[in-house]
Amino acid sequence: MMSNFRFLLFVWALMPGVSFGQHAVATYRMPIDDRGILISPSEPGERYYESDGRGMREPNIYKVGDTYYLFYDGAATHEGHQPGDTDAENHLWRTHLAKSKDLKNWERLGPKLKCGVDDDPQGAEKGYKDFWSASSAWLYYDRDTKYWYAYYLGADGAAPIGDDVGTPAVYYSSCLAKAETKGPKGIEGEWKQINREPGKEKSVLFYKGTNGSFPQGITVPGPVIVNPKWQGKKDTVNLKYMMFATCGANIAIVRSNDLEAVQDWDGDPNPQGWRVDKPILGPLIEIPGGFAGVPASWERIPNDRQNKTAPENANYYFDPVSGYHFLFTNQFNQQYNATDCNVVYWTKDVDHWDDRNSAVVVDAKCTKDGWATGAIGFPSVLRVDDETLLLVYDAIKGNSIGHTPRHIGYGYWKIPKFDETGKPVSAVLNK
């Protein structure tokens, strides 16, 4: 770990936005009907205060039967925690689970994935890429095997001091866990992290892009879908599964025929494993005129990075009515080293995306009663009906841009209708 915290934060914050070029602005605004805070960190004295009491972020929401399942990252704490604490090991972020029948009353089920240091203090020497964090879990249910899979972020660094002590720091890797219980209800059971198996300690999904073209420091997983172009088991052209991952400063398509494929991070690529195909969004989006509503207290960075954002942390939805594919991302604002809004992109061809087909869906302008005007990140969506999606996201009350204490917010988004030119008829220009 780096001894200089300012340098660590600089590296952690800027690597997702490495400057490779510029792309178009988020063209439209289609904000959610924001309803405020969905769930907040545990309070002192509550059962899971020590595991999520310092913050909740990076939510992914699913529904099985009549039950909502919210996976989120919880920031550990302890009684007597003070800003400036240097014991990163006691403040790590782990994937947690909560469930609800009505989106109002939540039962917390606690941490579901462990950091490598939890299972083996010597795990870093064995090669665990999730030694300091097991977080940001995207789930996929395989109807053939009837197992849930969790594709999650592993970090082999953590911020050592400050308000954000314990926050995952580069390098980031994509890791795999599998539910121990078969069937849809396996989602709320225990999980087997593949890199805990003997001989698989160095396992990751993918580590380099094609010909090493993507930075190794940022390979974060994303949602998995069945490739709509896949023609069945005899298809020798199209691989069955697609993942929309964050690779360097891009959202990239990653492909595989095997949901369980892994490789050693320091070895040769698995020829049957996940293959980073190509970037589809990013790496930079320029916002003319800068960012509205940004607090003056935010630290500015050099002029060549001002008014630029990079997409991260995609989530996917296909609308069978319009035939459009949607990707929801948070945007890393390189001017202020923080995520400050969520954007949706759309296309008719899942392999080809255009940054101009985009709209802001959550930012400081639309949060209920202005509850969040600083850091806003990580959108996840769930179908409500043919016209509406539930959208959850993380944010901090007020105008802070830190990682703690974040809450989970939510709102409802109207699925747009499009005219014959592909323009969304309900959108307004983003000015």
Protein backbone atom coordinates (compact mmCIF):
# COMPACT_ATOMS: atom_id res chain seq x y z
CA MET A 1 0.00 0.00 0.00
CA MET A 2 1.11 3.54 -0.68
CA SER A 3 2.22 5.58 2.29
CA ASN A 4 1.18 8.90 0.82
CA PHE A 5 -2.61 9.11 1.13
CA ARG A 6 -2.97 12.15 -1.13
CA PHE A 7 -1.15 10.30 -3.89
CA LEU A 8 -3.24 7.19 -3.35
CA LEU A 9 -6.45 9.17 -3.64
CA PHE A 10 -5.13 10.91 -6.74
CA VAL A 11 -4.38 7.58 -8.40
CA TRP A 12 -7.64 6.01 -7.22
CA ALA A 13 -9.71 8.92 -8.45
CA LEU A 14 -8.11 9.59 -11.80
CA MET A 15 -7.39 6.15 -13.23
CA PRO A 16 -11.02 5.54 -14.29
CA GLY A 17 -10.79 8.73 -16.31
CA VAL A 18 -7.46 8.26 -18.09
CA SER A 19 -7.44 10.76 -20.96
CA PHE A 20 -7.66 8.85 -24.25
CA GLY A 21 -9.84 11.30 -26.16
CA GLN A 22 -13.12 13.14 -26.20
CA HIS A 23 -16.64 12.09 -27.06
CA ALA A 24 -19.98 13.80 -27.33
CA VAL A 25 -22.06 15.37 -24.60
CA ALA A 26 -24.99 13.72 -22.83
CA THR A 27 -27.44 15.21 -25.29
CA TYR A 28 -30.73 15.15 -23.40
CA ARG A 29 -32.29 15.31 -19.96
CA MET A 30 -34.79 12.63 -18.91
CA PRO A 31 -34.68 12.85 -15.11
CA ILE A 32 -36.27 10.34 -12.79
CA ASP A 33 -39.18 11.15 -10.52
CA ASP A 34 -36.95 11.10 -7.46
CA ARG A 35 -38.43 9.83 -4.19
CA GLY A 36 -35.48 10.50 -1.92
CA ILE A 37 -33.67 8.00 0.30
CA LEU A 38 -34.54 4.31 0.02
CA ILE A 39 -32.30 2.98 2.81
CA SER A 40 -29.57 4.48 5.00
CA PRO A 41 -26.52 3.17 6.87
CA SER A 42 -27.20 1.34 10.13
CA GLU A 43 -27.24 3.40 13.31
CA PRO A 44 -25.13 2.70 16.43
CA GLY A 45 -26.66 -0.16 18.36
CA GLU A 46 -28.27 -1.76 15.32
CA ARG A 47 -27.23 -5.28 14.34
CA TYR A 48 -25.16 -4.42 11.28
CA TYR A 49 -23.80 -1.05 12.38
CA GLU A 50 -20.23 -2.35 12.41
CA SER A 51 -20.46 -3.63 8.83
CA ASP A 52 -22.42 -0.88 7.04
CA GLY A 53 -22.65 1.98 9.55
CA ARG A 54 -20.20 4.22 7.72
CA GLY A 55 -21.95 4.17 4.38
CA MET A 56 -23.86 2.29 1.67
CA ARG A 57 -23.13 2.56 -2.04
CA GLU A 58 -23.09 0.75 -5.40
CA PRO A 59 -26.56 -0.83 -5.20
CA ASN A 60 -27.84 -3.53 -7.51
CA ILE A 61 -31.52 -4.42 -7.17
CA TYR A 62 -33.29 -7.64 -8.19
CA LYS A 63 -36.74 -9.14 -7.66
CA VAL A 64 -37.55 -12.81 -7.07
CA GLY A 65 -41.25 -13.52 -6.71
CA ASP A 66 -42.65 -10.76 -4.54
CA THR A 67 -39.36 -9.95 -2.80
CA TYR A 68 -36.89 -7.20 -3.66
CA TYR A 69 -33.21 -7.98 -3.07
CA LEU A 70 -30.81 -5.07 -2.74
CA PHE A 71 -27.10 -5.86 -2.95
CA TYR A 72 -24.96 -2.94 -1.84
CA ASP A 73 -21.50 -2.15 -0.55
CA GLY A 74 -21.34 -1.50 3.18
CA ALA A 75 -18.51 0.47 4.78
CA ALA A 76 -17.38 -1.13 8.03
CA THR A 77 -16.88 0.91 11.16
CA HIS A 78 -16.60 0.42 14.91
CA GLU A 79 -17.63 2.16 18.09
CA GLY A 80 -15.36 5.12 18.62
CA HIS A 81 -14.45 5.58 14.95
CA GLN A 82 -12.96 9.01 14.32
CA PRO A 83 -12.07 10.80 11.09
CA GLY A 84 -8.38 10.27 10.55
CA ASP A 85 -8.38 6.66 11.77
CA THR A 86 -5.61 4.69 10.10
CA ASP A 87 -6.82 1.11 10.63
CA ALA A 88 -8.01 0.38 7.09
CA GLU A 89 -8.61 -3.27 7.92
CA ASN A 90 -11.46 -2.28 10.27
CA HIS A 91 -13.15 -0.05 7.68
CA LEU A 92 -13.33 -2.13 4.50
CA TRP A 93 -16.19 -2.24 1.99
CA ARG A 94 -18.00 -5.56 1.49
CA THR A 95 -21.02 -6.69 -0.51
CA HIS A 96 -24.15 -6.76 1.69
CA LEU A 97 -27.75 -7.82 1.12
CA ALA A 98 -31.10 -6.46 2.28
CA LYS A 99 -34.58 -7.62 1.29
CA SER A 100 -38.02 -6.06 1.28
CA LYS A 101 -41.59 -6.75 0.16
CA ASP A 102 -42.57 -3.10 -0.28
CA LEU A 103 -39.37 -1.03 -0.76
CA LYS A 104 -40.08 0.61 2.61
CA ASN A 105 -39.36 -1.99 5.28
CA TRP A 106 -35.96 -3.59 4.82
CA GLU A 107 -34.47 -6.64 6.50
CA ARG A 108 -30.68 -6.52 6.43
CA LEU A 109 -29.00 -9.88 5.90
CA GLY A 110 -25.48 -8.62 6.44
CA PRO A 111 -22.27 -9.15 4.45
CA LYS A 112 -22.45 -11.75 1.69
CA LEU A 113 -18.93 -11.61 0.26
CA LYS A 114 -15.71 -11.54 2.24
CA CYS A 115 -12.48 -9.70 1.61
CA GLY A 116 -9.42 -11.88 1.23
CA VAL A 117 -8.00 -10.54 4.47
CA ASP A 118 -11.12 -11.84 6.28
CA ASP A 119 -10.41 -15.43 5.28
CA ASP A 120 -6.64 -15.40 5.23
CA PRO A 121 -4.37 -12.58 6.49
CA GLN A 122 -1.70 -14.01 4.17
CA GLY A 123 -4.04 -14.05 1.20
CA ALA A 124 -2.24 -11.19 -0.52
CA GLU A 125 0.85 -13.37 -0.79
CA LYS A 126 -1.28 -16.11 -2.35
CA GLY A 127 -2.51 -13.69 -4.99
CA TYR A 128 -6.04 -12.84 -3.86
CA LYS A 129 -7.21 -9.90 -5.98
CA ASP A 130 -10.05 -9.20 -3.53
CA PHE A 131 -7.75 -8.95 -0.53
CA TRP A 132 -8.91 -5.45 0.48
CA SER A 133 -12.43 -5.38 -0.97
CA ALA A 134 -15.15 -7.68 -2.27
CA SER A 135 -17.74 -5.24 -3.52
CA SER A 136 -19.90 -3.97 -6.42
CA ALA A 137 -21.62 -7.29 -7.14
CA TRP A 138 -23.67 -7.79 -10.32
CA LEU A 139 -25.80 -10.94 -10.27
CA TYR A 140 -26.91 -13.30 -13.02
CA TYR A 141 -29.32 -16.24 -12.66
CA ASP A 142 -28.65 -19.13 -15.03
CA ARG A 143 -31.94 -20.85 -15.82
CA ASP A 144 -30.10 -23.92 -17.13
CA THR A 145 -28.00 -24.71 -14.05
CA LYS A 146 -30.40 -22.89 -11.68
CA TYR A 147 -27.52 -21.14 -9.93
CA TRP A 148 -26.92 -17.49 -9.19
CA TYR A 149 -23.53 -16.02 -10.07
CA ALA A 150 -22.02 -12.86 -8.61
CA TYR A 151 -19.49 -10.90 -10.63
CA TYR A 152 -17.79 -8.51 -8.26
CA LEU A 153 -14.98 -6.02 -7.88
CA GLY A 154 -11.88 -7.12 -6.03
CA ALA A 155 -9.35 -4.55 -4.85
CA ASP A 156 -5.80 -5.18 -3.71
CA GLY A 157 -5.49 -1.70 -2.22
CA ALA A 158 -7.40 0.39 0.33
CA ALA A 159 -7.21 4.00 1.45
CA PRO A 160 -5.14 3.93 4.67
CA ILE A 161 -6.32 7.12 6.42
CA GLY A 162 -8.86 9.94 6.29
CA ASP A 163 -12.64 10.07 6.13
CA ASP A 164 -12.59 7.47 3.35
CA VAL A 165 -10.27 5.04 5.15
CA GLY A 166 -10.83 1.51 3.86
CA THR A 167 -12.27 2.61 0.51
CA PRO A 168 -11.16 0.27 -2.31
CA ALA A 169 -8.08 1.52 -4.14
CA VAL A 170 -6.46 0.35 -7.36
CA TYR A 171 -5.81 -2.14 -8.60
CA TYR A 172 -9.34 -3.35 -9.39
CA SER A 173 -10.04 -6.84 -10.74
CA SER A 174 -13.15 -8.78 -11.77
CA CYS A 175 -13.87 -11.74 -9.51
CA LEU A 176 -16.46 -14.53 -9.39
CA ALA A 177 -18.68 -16.07 -6.72
CA LYS A 178 -21.37 -18.75 -7.05
CA ALA A 179 -24.40 -19.27 -4.83
CA GLU A 180 -24.14 -22.35 -2.65
CA THR A 181 -27.89 -23.01 -2.85
CA LYS A 182 -29.60 -23.96 -6.10
CA GLY A 183 -32.73 -22.20 -7.31
CA PRO A 184 -34.06 -18.63 -7.32
CA LYS A 185 -34.00 -18.37 -3.52
CA GLY A 186 -30.27 -19.06 -3.58
CA ILE A 187 -29.92 -15.31 -4.00
CA GLU A 188 -30.24 -14.80 -0.24
CA GLY A 189 -28.03 -17.69 0.83
CA GLU A 190 -24.27 -18.08 1.16
CA TRP A 191 -21.75 -17.65 -1.64
CA LYS A 192 -18.62 -19.54 -2.68
CA GLN A 193 -15.87 -17.19 -3.85
CA ILE A 194 -13.97 -19.05 -6.53
CA ASN A 195 -10.54 -17.71 -5.59
CA ARG A 196 -10.82 -19.41 -2.18
CA GLU A 197 -10.63 -22.82 -3.83
CA PRO A 198 -7.20 -24.50 -3.61
CA GLY A 199 -5.22 -23.79 -6.75
CA LYS A 200 -7.50 -20.92 -7.82
CA GLU A 201 -6.21 -18.19 -5.50
CA LYS A 202 -5.20 -15.99 -8.45
CA SER A 203 -8.50 -16.40 -10.28
CA VAL A 204 -10.11 -13.44 -12.04
CA LEU A 205 -12.58 -13.23 -14.92
CA PHE A 206 -10.30 -11.24 -17.20
CA TYR A 207 -7.27 -9.07 -16.66
CA LYS A 208 -6.16 -7.60 -19.95
CA GLY A 209 -7.96 -6.44 -23.03
CA THR A 210 -7.29 -7.77 -26.50
CA ASN A 211 -3.53 -7.60 -27.05
CA GLY A 212 -3.23 -5.92 -23.65
CA SER A 213 -5.00 -2.83 -24.97
CA PHE A 214 -6.82 -1.90 -21.74
CA PRO A 215 -5.17 -0.80 -18.50
CA GLN A 216 -4.75 -3.65 -16.04
CA GLY A 217 -5.49 -1.30 -13.14
CA ILE A 218 -9.22 -1.00 -13.84
CA THR A 219 -11.13 -4.12 -14.88
CA VAL A 220 -14.50 -3.93 -13.16
CA PRO A 221 -17.31 -6.36 -14.05
CA GLY A 222 -20.83 -5.42 -15.01
CA PRO A 223 -24.22 -6.87 -15.93
CA VAL A 224 -24.34 -10.14 -17.85
CA ILE A 225 -26.95 -10.89 -20.52
CA VAL A 226 -27.52 -13.57 -23.13
CA ASN A 227 -26.26 -12.17 -26.43
CA PRO A 228 -29.40 -11.43 -28.49
CA LYS A 229 -27.44 -12.34 -31.62
CA TRP A 230 -26.47 -15.80 -30.32
CA GLN A 231 -27.99 -18.51 -32.54
CA GLY A 232 -27.67 -21.47 -30.20
CA LYS A 233 -25.04 -24.07 -29.36
CA LYS A 234 -24.02 -24.51 -33.00
CA ASP A 235 -23.23 -20.78 -33.35
CA THR A 236 -19.49 -20.49 -34.06
CA VAL A 237 -19.55 -16.72 -34.54
CA ASN A 238 -21.41 -15.23 -31.58
CA LEU A 239 -20.53 -16.11 -28.00
CA LYS A 240 -23.52 -16.73 -25.74
CA TYR A 241 -22.90 -14.22 -22.95
CA MET A 242 -22.13 -10.51 -22.96
CA MET A 243 -20.94 -8.41 -20.04
CA PHE A 244 -20.82 -4.61 -20.00
CA ALA A 245 -17.66 -4.03 -17.98
CA THR A 246 -15.63 -0.98 -17.00
CA CYS A 247 -12.18 -1.41 -18.55
CA GLY A 248 -9.86 1.50 -17.97
CA ALA A 249 -11.90 4.58 -18.89
CA ASN A 250 -14.33 2.70 -21.13
CA ILE A 251 -17.48 0.69 -20.93
CA ALA A 252 -16.50 -2.39 -22.92
CA ILE A 253 -18.21 -5.55 -24.12
CA VAL A 254 -16.72 -8.72 -22.64
CA ARG A 255 -17.79 -12.09 -24.07
CA SER A 256 -17.81 -15.73 -23.03
CA ASN A 257 -19.62 -19.03 -23.54
CA ASP A 258 -18.93 -20.05 -19.95
CA LEU A 259 -20.36 -18.20 -16.94
CA GLU A 260 -17.80 -19.83 -14.64
CA ALA A 261 -14.69 -19.22 -16.73
CA VAL A 262 -11.72 -17.76 -14.84
CA GLN A 263 -8.00 -17.36 -15.39
CA ASP A 264 -4.94 -16.56 -13.30
CA TRP A 265 -4.34 -12.83 -13.30
CA ASP A 266 -0.62 -13.34 -13.95
CA GLY A 267 -1.10 -16.10 -16.52
CA ASP A 268 -2.10 -16.43 -20.13
CA PRO A 269 -5.72 -15.68 -21.07
CA ASN A 270 -8.12 -18.60 -20.81
CA PRO A 271 -9.03 -19.38 -24.45
CA GLN A 272 -12.49 -20.49 -23.26
CA GLY A 273 -12.89 -17.61 -20.85
CA TRP A 274 -14.14 -14.06 -20.82
CA ARG A 275 -12.70 -12.01 -23.68
CA VAL A 276 -12.62 -8.22 -23.70
CA ASP A 277 -13.97 -7.40 -27.14
CA LYS A 278 -14.14 -3.64 -27.65
CA PRO A 279 -14.99 -0.36 -25.94
CA ILE A 280 -18.48 0.90 -26.70
CA LEU A 281 -18.69 4.04 -24.54
CA GLY A 282 -16.07 6.50 -23.36
CA PRO A 283 -13.47 7.30 -22.50
CA LEU A 284 -14.32 11.01 -22.19
CA ILE A 285 -17.50 13.00 -22.63
CA GLU A 286 -17.22 16.77 -22.82
CA ILE A 287 -19.95 18.86 -21.19
CA PRO A 288 -20.14 22.35 -22.78
CA GLY A 289 -20.24 25.09 -20.18
CA GLY A 290 -19.13 22.94 -17.29
CA PHE A 291 -21.32 21.45 -14.58
CA ALA A 292 -24.31 23.26 -13.14
CA GLY A 293 -24.85 23.38 -9.40
CA VAL A 294 -21.32 22.32 -8.44
CA PRO A 295 -20.37 23.59 -4.97
CA ALA A 296 -17.54 26.11 -5.05
CA SER A 297 -15.74 24.07 -2.38
CA TRP A 298 -15.00 21.26 -4.79
CA GLU A 299 -11.36 21.02 -5.74
CA ARG A 300 -10.63 21.78 -9.38
CA ILE A 301 -8.11 19.85 -11.42
CA PRO A 302 -5.95 20.95 -14.36
CA ASN A 303 -7.63 22.73 -17.27
CA ASP A 304 -7.10 19.91 -19.73
CA ARG A 305 -9.44 17.72 -17.67
CA GLN A 306 -12.16 20.26 -16.93
CA ASN A 307 -15.73 19.70 -18.15
CA LYS A 308 -15.08 16.04 -18.96
CA THR A 309 -16.62 12.87 -17.63
CA ALA A 310 -16.08 9.15 -18.15
CA PRO A 311 -18.75 6.41 -17.86
CA GLU A 312 -18.45 3.72 -15.20
CA ASN A 313 -20.50 0.93 -13.64
CA ALA A 314 -23.05 0.03 -16.30
CA ASN A 315 -26.44 -1.55 -15.80
CA TYR A 316 -28.60 -2.87 -18.62
CA TYR A 317 -32.26 -2.96 -19.62
CA PHE A 318 -33.95 -4.12 -22.83
CA ASP A 319 -37.35 -2.66 -23.69
CA PRO A 320 -39.37 -5.22 -25.67
CA VAL A 321 -41.92 -2.58 -26.65
CA SER A 322 -39.55 -0.22 -28.47
CA GLY A 323 -36.78 -2.72 -29.22
CA TYR A 324 -34.16 -0.46 -27.64
CA HIS A 325 -31.28 -1.53 -25.42
CA PHE A 326 -30.41 0.83 -22.55
CA LEU A 327 -27.22 1.20 -20.52
CA PHE A 328 -27.29 3.23 -17.32
CA THR A 329 -23.93 4.47 -16.00
CA ASN A 330 -22.57 6.83 -13.43
CA GLN A 331 -20.28 9.53 -14.81
CA PHE A 332 -16.88 10.23 -13.31
CA ASN A 333 -16.47 14.01 -13.32
CA GLN A 334 -12.78 14.56 -13.94
CA GLN A 335 -13.02 18.23 -13.09
CA TYR A 336 -13.84 17.40 -9.48
CA ASN A 337 -12.58 13.82 -9.09
CA ALA A 338 -16.04 12.50 -8.24
CA THR A 339 -19.12 10.86 -9.70
CA ASP A 340 -21.75 13.58 -10.04
CA CYS A 341 -24.58 12.19 -12.20
CA ASN A 342 -26.09 9.14 -13.84
CA VAL A 343 -26.64 8.90 -17.60
CA VAL A 344 -28.62 6.54 -19.84
CA TYR A 345 -27.53 5.51 -23.37
CA TRP A 346 -29.69 3.71 -25.94
CA THR A 347 -29.29 1.76 -29.16
CA LYS A 348 -31.09 -0.71 -31.42
CA ASP A 349 -27.86 -2.67 -32.00
CA VAL A 350 -26.41 -4.05 -28.77
CA ASP A 351 -22.90 -4.14 -30.30
CA HIS A 352 -22.84 -0.48 -31.36
CA TRP A 353 -23.47 2.56 -29.18
CA ASP A 354 -23.31 6.30 -29.85
CA ASP A 355 -22.55 8.73 -27.00
CA ARG A 356 -24.90 11.25 -28.60
CA ASN A 357 -27.85 8.98 -27.83
CA SER A 358 -27.70 9.80 -24.16
CA ALA A 359 -29.52 11.62 -21.39
CA VAL A 360 -28.91 12.64 -17.80
CA VAL A 361 -31.29 10.72 -15.50
CA VAL A 362 -30.04 11.66 -12.02
CA ASP A 363 -28.10 14.72 -10.93
CA ALA A 364 -28.23 17.52 -8.35
CA LYS A 365 -31.03 19.25 -10.23
CA CYS A 366 -33.55 16.45 -9.80
CA THR A 367 -33.05 14.90 -6.33
CA LYS A 368 -36.10 15.28 -4.08
CA ASP A 369 -35.91 18.52 -2.06
CA GLY A 370 -32.27 18.76 -3.16
CA TRP A 371 -31.26 16.01 -0.74
CA ALA A 372 -28.13 15.13 -2.76
CA THR A 373 -26.14 17.81 -4.60
CA GLY A 374 -22.65 16.34 -4.41
CA ALA A 375 -21.51 12.80 -5.16
CA ILE A 376 -24.11 10.76 -7.07
CA GLY A 377 -23.33 7.35 -8.51
CA PHE A 378 -24.10 3.78 -9.55
CA PRO A 379 -27.56 3.43 -11.10
CA SER A 380 -29.39 0.11 -11.13
CA VAL A 381 -32.81 -0.47 -12.70
CA LEU A 382 -35.71 -2.87 -12.38
CA ARG A 383 -38.86 -3.09 -14.50
CA VAL A 384 -42.07 -1.89 -12.85
CA ASP A 385 -44.35 -2.04 -15.91
CA ASP A 386 -44.18 -1.49 -19.68
CA GLU A 387 -43.68 2.23 -19.17
CA THR A 388 -41.66 2.54 -15.97
CA LEU A 389 -38.37 1.47 -14.39
CA LEU A 390 -37.42 1.65 -10.74
CA LEU A 391 -33.97 3.25 -10.53
CA VAL A 392 -31.77 3.09 -7.41
CA TYR A 393 -28.49 4.94 -6.93
CA ASP A 394 -26.06 6.04 -4.24
CA ALA A 395 -25.46 9.59 -3.02
CA ILE A 396 -24.39 11.68 -0.06
CA LYS A 397 -26.73 14.06 1.74
CA GLY A 398 -25.70 17.61 0.91
CA ASN A 399 -22.78 18.55 -1.33
CA SER A 400 -19.95 16.32 -0.15
CA ILE A 401 -17.99 14.42 -2.80
CA GLY A 402 -16.58 11.78 -0.45
CA HIS A 403 -17.41 8.10 -0.24
CA THR A 404 -18.90 8.21 3.25
CA PRO A 405 -21.55 8.33 4.46
CA ARG A 406 -23.49 7.48 1.33
CA HIS A 407 -27.15 6.48 1.25
CA ILE A 408 -29.22 4.61 -1.35
CA GLY A 409 -31.70 6.82 -3.20
CA TYR A 410 -34.45 5.84 -5.61
CA GLY A 411 -36.99 7.10 -8.10
CA TYR A 412 -39.03 6.10 -11.13
CA TRP A 413 -38.01 6.60 -14.75
CA LYS A 414 -40.39 6.71 -17.67
CA ILE A 415 -39.16 4.58 -20.56
CA PRO A 416 -38.97 6.95 -23.54
CA LYS A 417 -40.81 6.62 -26.81
CA PHE A 418 -38.87 7.34 -29.99
CA ASP A 419 -39.85 8.98 -33.28
CA GLU A 420 -38.97 7.60 -36.71
CA THR A 421 -35.51 9.23 -36.56
CA GLY A 422 -34.66 7.61 -33.24
CA LYS A 423 -35.08 10.80 -31.23
CA PRO A 424 -36.73 10.39 -27.80
CA VAL A 425 -39.97 12.35 -27.95
CA SER A 426 -40.16 12.99 -24.19
CA ALA A 427 -36.64 14.36 -23.74
CA VAL A 428 -35.40 17.94 -23.47
CA LEU A 429 -31.97 19.11 -24.52
CA ASN A 430 -29.33 19.06 -21.79
CA LYS A 431 -28.31 22.72 -21.48
